[in-house]
Amino acid sequence: MSPAAEEFRIEYVELPNGRMPAREFVDSLDDNAAARVDAFIERLRIYGNRMQGKFVKKLTNDIFELRVKQFDRIFRVLFFYQPGMLIVITSGFQKKTEQTPPAELARAEQLRKVWIKHRNRYPVSVKEREAILKELAI
């Protein structure tokens, strides 16, 4: 297999309490919408940074958004790339305006920082886990 044909791995940011904000978002959608978002995440896994610009948009130096349209609804899944063909999904939301809400972008940046620091491997201590959650304030 040529390097260009390699597929990415998808990982979700997991919080110290076991919650995964992006998965919770997808799972909160109706079955058809969730299936469509998951299909686009699968496409992202296959094509990664080769995906067409109408589906993926760079929002900051680190954060990208995957745009999923279903009828009149638009869903956004925020993510970042990591070396080693890894895509880490931080969060998702239903878009109601043209601009990405600053709070969603700030949340994705926070989730990215906690992932970079811990890589979903948190201390065993409940106290330390709670401190990380408190620091996140989400």
Protein backbone atom coordinates (compact mmCIF):
# COMPACT_ATOMS: atom_id res chain seq x y z
CA MET A 1 0.00 0.00 0.00
CA SER A 2 1.43 3.39 -0.90
CA PRO A 3 1.75 6.00 1.89
CA ALA A 4 -0.91 8.15 0.19
CA ALA A 5 -3.41 5.32 0.56
CA GLU A 6 -2.85 4.91 4.30
CA GLU A 7 -5.88 5.56 6.42
CA PHE A 8 -6.00 7.71 9.51
CA ARG A 9 -6.96 6.49 12.95
CA ILE A 10 -9.81 8.25 14.74
CA GLU A 11 -9.74 8.86 18.46
CA TYR A 12 -12.20 10.80 20.58
CA VAL A 13 -11.17 13.06 23.44
CA GLU A 14 -12.18 11.29 26.62
CA LEU A 15 -12.53 13.27 29.83
CA PRO A 16 -11.21 12.00 33.18
CA ASN A 17 -14.79 11.04 34.13
CA GLY A 18 -15.10 8.80 31.05
CA ARG A 19 -17.34 11.15 29.08
CA MET A 20 -16.61 11.78 25.39
CA PRO A 21 -18.14 15.12 24.34
CA ALA A 22 -18.06 14.39 20.59
CA ARG A 23 -19.56 10.90 20.95
CA GLU A 24 -22.24 12.25 23.29
CA PHE A 25 -23.14 14.85 20.66
CA VAL A 26 -23.46 12.26 17.87
CA ASP A 27 -25.39 9.87 20.13
CA SER A 28 -27.83 12.67 21.04
CA LEU A 29 -28.91 13.04 17.39
CA ASP A 30 -31.76 11.15 15.79
CA ASP A 31 -30.72 7.86 14.15
CA ASN A 32 -30.55 9.23 10.59
CA ALA A 33 -28.52 12.30 11.55
CA ALA A 34 -26.18 10.23 13.76
CA ALA A 35 -25.64 7.74 10.93
CA ARG A 36 -24.84 10.58 8.53
CA VAL A 37 -22.35 12.19 10.94
CA ASP A 38 -20.73 8.81 11.59
CA ALA A 39 -20.50 8.19 7.82
CA PHE A 40 -18.66 11.52 7.43
CA ILE A 41 -16.33 10.68 10.33
CA GLU A 42 -15.59 7.40 8.53
CA ARG A 43 -14.87 9.36 5.35
CA LEU A 44 -12.55 11.60 7.37
CA ARG A 45 -10.76 8.49 8.64
CA ILE A 46 -10.20 7.30 5.08
CA TYR A 47 -9.30 10.62 3.42
CA GLY A 48 -8.11 12.81 6.33
CA ASN A 49 -6.39 15.94 5.08
CA ARG A 50 -7.20 14.95 1.49
CA MET A 51 -10.92 15.54 2.03
CA GLN A 52 -12.57 18.23 -0.06
CA GLY A 53 -12.68 21.76 1.29
CA LYS A 54 -16.45 21.90 1.25
CA PHE A 55 -16.46 19.24 3.99
CA VAL A 56 -13.44 20.26 6.06
CA LYS A 57 -12.48 23.78 7.07
CA LYS A 58 -9.47 24.96 9.07
CA LEU A 59 -10.71 27.21 11.89
CA THR A 60 -7.48 27.92 13.82
CA ASN A 61 -3.87 26.75 13.59
CA ASP A 62 -4.90 23.48 15.22
CA ILE A 63 -8.68 23.06 15.04
CA PHE A 64 -10.60 21.92 11.97
CA GLU A 65 -14.28 21.37 11.45
CA LEU A 66 -16.00 18.58 9.57
CA ARG A 67 -19.22 19.89 8.02
CA VAL A 68 -22.13 17.53 7.70
CA LYS A 69 -25.39 18.63 6.09
CA GLN A 70 -28.63 16.73 6.41
CA PHE A 71 -31.60 18.40 4.73
CA ASP A 72 -31.85 21.82 6.37
CA ARG A 73 -29.66 20.91 9.35
CA ILE A 74 -25.92 21.44 9.55
CA PHE A 75 -23.74 19.59 12.04
CA ARG A 76 -20.14 20.37 12.89
CA VAL A 77 -17.57 18.03 14.37
CA LEU A 78 -14.38 19.70 15.59
CA PHE A 79 -11.06 17.86 15.48
CA PHE A 80 -7.29 18.16 15.19
CA TYR A 81 -4.53 16.18 13.52
CA GLN A 82 -1.67 14.46 15.32
CA PRO A 83 1.51 12.90 13.92
CA GLY A 84 1.18 9.27 12.97
CA MET A 85 -1.98 9.60 10.87
CA LEU A 86 -4.17 10.30 13.89
CA ILE A 87 -7.28 12.48 13.97
CA VAL A 88 -8.59 13.41 17.42
CA ILE A 89 -12.22 14.48 17.60
CA THR A 90 -12.98 16.97 20.35
CA SER A 91 -16.64 17.93 20.15
CA GLY A 92 -19.63 18.57 17.96
CA PHE A 93 -22.65 20.83 17.69
CA GLN A 94 -25.53 21.75 15.43
CA LYS A 95 -24.75 24.90 13.55
CA LYS A 96 -27.37 27.61 13.52
CA THR A 97 -25.33 30.57 12.29
CA GLU A 98 -22.68 31.15 9.64
CA GLN A 99 -19.89 31.68 12.19
CA THR A 100 -18.61 28.91 14.44
CA PRO A 101 -19.62 29.98 17.95
CA PRO A 102 -16.51 31.21 19.83
CA ALA A 103 -17.51 29.11 22.86
CA GLU A 104 -17.42 25.93 20.71
CA LEU A 105 -13.99 26.86 19.37
CA ALA A 106 -12.68 27.62 22.88
CA ARG A 107 -14.08 24.29 24.10
CA ALA A 108 -12.35 22.41 21.26
CA GLU A 109 -9.05 24.17 22.08
CA GLN A 110 -9.41 23.22 25.77
CA LEU A 111 -10.18 19.61 24.89
CA ARG A 112 -7.18 19.56 22.55
CA LYS A 113 -4.90 20.82 25.33
CA VAL A 114 -6.11 18.20 27.80
CA TRP A 115 -5.71 15.47 25.16
CA ILE A 116 -2.16 16.62 24.31
CA LYS A 117 -1.26 16.62 28.00
CA HIS A 118 -2.88 13.29 28.96
CA ARG A 119 -3.68 11.46 25.68
CA ASN A 120 -6.82 10.00 27.32
CA ARG A 121 -4.69 8.36 30.02
CA TYR A 122 -5.56 9.93 33.34
CA PRO A 123 -4.27 9.45 36.88
CA VAL A 124 -5.97 6.73 38.92
CA SER A 125 -6.59 9.16 41.76
CA VAL A 126 -10.17 10.48 41.83
CA LYS A 127 -8.89 13.72 43.35
CA GLU A 128 -6.45 14.28 40.46
CA ARG A 129 -9.15 13.46 37.89
CA GLU A 130 -11.54 15.93 39.52
CA ALA A 131 -8.83 18.59 39.49
CA ILE A 132 -8.38 18.12 35.72
CA LEU A 133 -12.15 18.40 35.18
CA LYS A 134 -12.32 21.52 37.33
CA GLU A 135 -9.46 23.06 35.36
CA LEU A 136 -11.39 22.37 32.14
CA ALA A 137 -14.55 23.96 33.53
CA ILE A 138 -16.79 22.08 31.12
